[in-house]
Protein backbone atom coordinates (compact mmCIF):
# COMPACT_ATOMS: atom_id res chain seq x y z
CA MET A 1 15.87 -2.19 -11.87
CA LYS A 2 16.05 0.38 -14.65
CA LEU A 3 13.44 1.81 -16.98
CA THR A 4 14.10 2.69 -20.59
CA ALA A 5 13.32 6.15 -21.91
CA GLU A 6 10.36 4.64 -23.75
CA GLN A 7 9.00 3.05 -20.56
CA ILE A 8 9.34 6.33 -18.69
CA GLN A 9 7.45 8.14 -21.45
CA ASP A 10 4.73 5.46 -21.56
CA ASN A 11 4.29 5.66 -17.79
CA TRP A 12 3.84 9.42 -18.02
CA ILE A 13 1.22 9.07 -20.76
CA LYS A 14 -0.65 6.55 -18.62
CA PHE A 15 -0.45 8.88 -15.61
CA GLU A 16 -1.95 11.80 -17.55
CA LYS A 17 -4.64 9.56 -19.02
CA THR A 18 -5.67 8.48 -15.53
CA ILE A 19 -6.22 12.11 -14.57
CA THR A 20 -8.31 12.86 -17.65
CA SER A 21 -10.32 9.62 -17.26
CA TYR A 22 -11.16 9.72 -13.55
CA ILE A 23 -10.83 13.28 -12.25
CA SER A 24 -13.71 15.65 -12.89
CA GLU A 25 -13.59 19.34 -13.68
CA PRO A 26 -12.75 21.92 -12.51
CA ARG A 27 -9.90 20.29 -10.61
CA ARG A 28 -8.91 18.03 -13.52
CA SER A 29 -7.46 21.00 -15.41
CA LYS A 30 -5.73 22.36 -12.31
CA LEU A 31 -4.18 18.99 -11.55
CA LEU A 32 -2.99 18.53 -15.13
CA ASP A 33 -1.56 22.07 -15.21
CA PHE A 34 0.42 21.43 -12.03
CA TYR A 35 1.85 18.09 -13.15
CA GLN A 36 2.59 19.25 -16.70
CA LYS A 37 4.35 22.36 -15.38
CA HIS A 38 6.82 20.07 -13.58
CA SER A 39 6.59 17.12 -15.97
CA GLU A 40 10.33 16.61 -16.41
CA ARG A 41 10.92 16.37 -12.67
CA PHE A 42 7.95 14.07 -12.11
CA MET A 43 8.92 11.80 -15.00
CA LEU A 44 12.45 11.24 -13.69
CA MET A 45 11.82 11.21 -9.92
CA PRO A 46 12.60 8.08 -7.90
CA ALA A 47 10.02 6.77 -5.44
CA SER A 48 12.63 6.49 -2.67
CA HIS A 49 16.31 7.16 -2.06
CA LYS A 50 17.56 3.66 -1.28
CA LYS A 51 17.59 0.30 -3.08
CA GLU A 52 16.25 -1.50 0.00
CA TYR A 53 13.08 0.56 -0.30
CA HIS A 54 11.10 0.66 -3.54
CA ASN A 55 11.66 2.06 -7.03
CA ALA A 56 14.84 3.99 -6.20
CA PHE A 57 15.65 4.70 -9.85
CA PRO A 58 14.84 7.36 -12.49
CA GLY A 59 11.15 7.14 -13.35
CA GLY A 60 10.42 5.10 -10.23
CA TYR A 61 7.95 7.60 -8.79
CA ILE A 62 5.43 7.62 -11.66
CA ASP A 63 5.88 3.86 -12.10
CA HIS A 64 4.94 3.42 -8.43
CA VAL A 65 1.99 5.83 -8.55
CA ASN A 66 0.53 4.14 -11.63
CA ARG A 67 0.79 0.78 -9.88
CA VAL A 68 -0.89 2.12 -6.74
CA VAL A 69 -3.78 3.45 -8.85
CA ASP A 70 -4.18 0.06 -10.56
CA CYS A 71 -4.05 -1.74 -7.22
CA ALA A 72 -6.49 0.72 -5.62
CA LEU A 73 -9.11 0.13 -8.31
CA LYS A 74 -8.80 -3.65 -7.91
CA VAL A 75 -8.72 -3.53 -4.10
CA ASN A 76 -11.77 -1.27 -4.14
CA GLN A 77 -13.65 -3.74 -6.33
CA LEU A 78 -12.75 -6.56 -3.93
CA TRP A 79 -14.01 -4.56 -0.94
CA ILE A 80 -17.27 -3.85 -2.79
CA GLU A 81 -17.71 -7.55 -3.64
CA MET A 82 -17.14 -8.44 0.01
CA GLY A 83 -19.83 -6.01 1.18
CA VAL A 84 -18.14 -2.71 2.08
CA ASN A 85 -20.36 0.35 2.36
CA SER A 86 -19.13 2.05 -0.81
CA SER A 87 -21.60 4.92 -0.37
CA THR A 88 -19.08 6.56 1.99
CA TYR A 89 -16.64 7.36 -0.85
CA THR A 90 -16.48 7.66 -4.65
CA GLU A 91 -14.31 6.02 -7.29
CA GLU A 92 -12.88 9.45 -8.10
CA GLU A 93 -11.77 9.77 -4.48
CA VAL A 94 -10.06 6.37 -4.73
CA VAL A 95 -8.12 7.45 -7.82
CA PHE A 96 -7.36 11.01 -6.65
CA SER A 97 -5.98 9.72 -3.33
CA ALA A 98 -3.87 7.06 -5.04
CA LEU A 99 -2.55 9.54 -7.62
CA ASN A 100 -1.43 12.00 -4.96
CA HIS A 101 -0.62 9.79 -1.97
CA ASP A 102 3.15 10.36 -2.33
CA LEU A 103 3.03 13.82 -3.88
CA GLY A 104 5.09 15.18 -0.97
CA LYS A 105 8.13 13.41 -2.42
CA PHE A 106 8.13 16.08 -5.13
CA GLY A 107 9.69 18.65 -2.78
CA ASP A 108 8.69 22.23 -3.47
CA GLU A 109 8.71 24.55 -6.46
CA ASN A 110 12.45 25.21 -6.15
CA ASN A 111 13.87 22.13 -4.44
CA GLU A 112 13.68 18.44 -5.26
CA SER A 113 13.38 15.99 -2.37
CA TYR A 114 15.92 13.55 -3.81
CA LEU A 115 19.28 14.43 -5.31
CA PRO A 116 21.81 12.05 -6.89
CA GLN A 117 24.10 10.60 -4.23
CA THR A 118 27.63 11.99 -4.53
CA ASP A 119 29.19 9.81 -1.81
CA GLN A 120 30.41 6.69 -3.60
CA TRP A 121 30.81 4.77 -0.33
CA ARG A 122 27.14 5.32 0.56
CA LYS A 123 26.14 4.22 -2.93
CA ASP A 124 28.22 1.05 -2.81
CA LYS A 125 27.80 0.07 0.84
CA LEU A 126 24.34 1.39 1.72
CA GLY A 127 22.60 1.22 -1.63
CA GLU A 128 21.77 4.93 -1.50
CA ASP A 129 21.56 6.09 -5.09
CA TYR A 130 19.96 9.32 -3.89
CA LYS A 131 20.25 11.60 -0.89
CA PHE A 132 17.80 13.96 0.78
CA ASN A 133 18.00 17.61 -0.20
CA ASP A 134 19.14 19.54 2.89
CA ASN A 135 17.90 22.81 1.36
CA LEU A 136 14.33 21.55 1.56
CA GLU A 137 12.46 22.42 4.75
CA TYR A 138 11.37 19.25 6.54
CA MET A 139 7.75 18.15 6.25
CA SER A 140 6.29 14.66 6.30
CA VAL A 141 5.44 13.29 2.85
CA PRO A 142 1.64 13.39 3.42
CA ASP A 143 1.73 16.90 4.90
CA ARG A 144 3.85 18.26 2.06
CA GLY A 145 1.61 16.62 -0.51
CA LEU A 146 -1.52 18.18 0.96
CA HIS A 147 0.25 21.54 1.16
CA LEU A 148 1.22 21.32 -2.52
CA LEU A 149 -2.38 20.61 -3.51
CA MET A 150 -3.67 23.55 -1.44
CA SER A 151 -1.00 25.97 -2.64
CA ASN A 152 -1.85 25.13 -6.25
CA ASP A 153 -5.57 25.66 -5.66
CA ILE A 154 -6.39 21.99 -6.25
CA PRO A 155 -9.37 21.11 -4.03
CA PHE A 156 -9.72 17.79 -2.24
CA SER A 157 -12.37 16.22 -0.04
CA LYS A 158 -12.09 15.29 3.62
CA ASN A 159 -12.01 11.64 2.55
CA GLU A 160 -9.08 12.33 0.23
CA MET A 161 -7.24 14.31 2.89
CA LEU A 162 -7.51 11.41 5.34
CA ALA A 163 -6.57 8.79 2.73
CA ILE A 164 -3.45 10.74 1.73
CA LYS A 165 -2.52 11.57 5.32
CA LEU A 166 -2.94 7.98 6.54
CA HIS A 167 -1.74 6.04 3.49
CA ASP A 168 1.25 4.60 5.39
CA GLY A 169 -1.10 2.98 7.89
CA LEU A 170 0.48 1.91 11.17
CA TYR A 171 3.98 2.10 9.69
CA ASP A 172 3.70 5.76 10.73
CA ASP A 173 3.23 6.19 14.49
CA SER A 174 1.42 9.49 14.00
CA ASN A 175 -1.48 7.57 12.44
CA LYS A 176 -2.22 5.53 15.55
CA SER A 177 -4.78 7.97 16.96
CA TYR A 178 -6.83 7.50 13.78
CA LEU A 179 -6.37 3.76 13.27
CA MET A 180 -6.04 2.22 16.74
CA SER A 181 -9.13 3.52 18.49
CA TRP A 182 -11.31 0.94 20.22
CA ARG A 183 -14.32 3.27 20.36
CA PRO A 184 -16.69 2.97 17.37
CA GLU A 185 -17.33 6.72 17.50
CA THR A 186 -13.69 7.56 16.77
CA ARG A 187 -12.92 4.96 14.12
CA PRO A 188 -12.70 6.03 10.45
CA ARG A 189 -16.15 6.38 8.92
CA THR A 190 -15.02 5.41 5.44
CA SER A 191 -12.99 2.43 4.18
CA LEU A 192 -11.28 4.59 1.55
CA ILE A 193 -8.39 5.00 4.00
CA PHE A 194 -7.79 1.25 4.17
CA ILE A 195 -8.24 0.73 0.43
CA VAL A 196 -5.51 3.27 -0.42
CA HIS A 197 -3.19 1.92 2.28
CA GLN A 198 -3.59 -1.65 1.06
CA ALA A 199 -3.03 -0.56 -2.55
CA ASP A 200 0.20 1.23 -1.59
CA LEU A 201 1.34 -1.78 0.45
CA MET A 202 0.60 -4.13 -2.45
CA ALA A 203 2.41 -1.97 -4.99
CA ALA A 204 5.50 -1.57 -2.79
CA ARG A 205 5.62 -5.33 -2.16
CA ILE A 206 5.40 -6.10 -5.88
CA GLU A 207 8.17 -3.60 -6.57
CA PHE A 208 10.30 -5.24 -3.87
CA GLU A 209 9.79 -8.62 -5.51
CA HIS A 210 10.71 -7.26 -8.94
CA GLU A 211 13.94 -5.82 -7.55
CA TRP A 212 15.04 -8.41 -5.00
CA LEU A 213 13.55 -11.86 -5.61
CA PRO A 214 15.71 -12.48 -8.71
CA LYS A 215 18.74 -11.94 -6.46
CA PHE A 216 17.41 -14.58 -4.06
CA LYS A 217 16.58 -17.10 -6.80
CA ASN A 218 18.69 -19.86 -5.21
CA ASN A 219 17.08 -19.43 -1.81
CA LEU A 220 13.34 -19.12 -2.41
CA PRO A 221 10.50 -21.32 -1.16
CA THR A 222 8.79 -23.31 -3.87
CA ALA A 223 5.21 -24.48 -4.03
CA ASN A 224 5.00 -28.24 -3.53
CA LYS A 225 2.34 -29.44 -5.96
CA ASP A 226 2.70 -33.07 -4.85
CA ILE A 227 1.22 -32.52 -1.40
CA ILE A 228 -2.04 -34.45 -0.95
CA LEU A 229 -4.38 -33.18 1.71
CA THR A 230 -6.26 -35.95 3.49
CA PRO A 231 -9.66 -35.31 5.10
CA LYS A 232 -9.56 -34.79 8.84
CA LEU A 233 -10.90 -37.84 10.69
CA LYS A 234 -13.89 -37.30 12.88
CA LYS A 235 -12.76 -37.09 16.48
CA THR A 236 -14.11 -39.80 18.80
CA PRO A 237 -16.01 -38.26 21.72
CA THR A 238 -14.15 -38.47 25.03
CA LYS A 239 -16.99 -40.44 26.65
CA VAL A 240 -17.01 -43.14 23.98
CA LYS A 241 -13.21 -43.39 24.00
CA ALA A 242 -13.12 -43.78 27.80
CA LEU A 243 -15.93 -46.33 28.07
CA SER A 244 -14.66 -48.50 25.21
CA SER A 245 -11.48 -49.30 27.15
CA ILE A 246 -13.33 -50.56 30.28
CA LYS A 247 -14.22 -54.29 30.46
CA SER A 248 -16.05 -54.31 33.82
CA GLU A 249 -19.76 -53.62 33.32
CA GLY A 250 -20.09 -52.27 36.87
CA LEU A 251 -17.23 -49.80 36.36
CA LYS A 252 -18.71 -48.82 33.00
CA GLY A 253 -21.93 -47.89 34.77
CA VAL A 254 -20.07 -45.71 37.28
CA MET A 255 -18.13 -43.94 34.52
CA ASP A 256 -21.27 -43.48 32.44
CA ASN A 257 -22.95 -41.70 35.34
CA PHE A 258 -19.81 -39.59 35.81
CA PHE A 259 -19.95 -38.30 32.22
CA LYS A 260 -23.69 -37.62 32.57
CA ASP A 261 -23.03 -35.48 35.64
């Protein structure tokens, strides 16, 4: 998949508008200053390094983030309609977490995370259009993202920290201690974490379908609209079924007493 220059520009405008519409001062200005300072890099960043993943093309990062924000707002509304305790988080926290969930893919002030792949074999055989920048000190994506926010004096809440840190859900083993506890006291006390994770999962799946399903067009399941569902027949009780097959009245009496016992 490729984006045109116009699409990349439109995505960036939408991204900035989301910040101005949902993020309150004083951090709105700080967030805008940070992103605008590095606007060229953000606009052209991929969301991943490999075609098998998602949005591994110029402009893929902002395209992905915008989709996650859209999904997060819709997923949040669904959770509210189904009865979630929405008093444990705010809509601004939903949007802030979605906007910055993958910020760690930016790299640092001097080093990008993803560089164009120079090995033609890896591009052709492995689908790696990008490679990781070896000059960049290793940090996990959530940890680097939180570090970037702190180092640029952009405040975030505990809810937002947890949503960003845990946005990969159980795909990241380090999240198990937060998400696999069987004790009520140690389970997350806000559903914001799950809302952001589900939004990211939804966005990545949609991006996968955009990229790959057209290539599988001759081998896809199709919905069969001709299937007619028939009502399930009421099951005959075991007692009735057993007694109906017995002709001897004496034996019927014995069996009837058996079922009563």
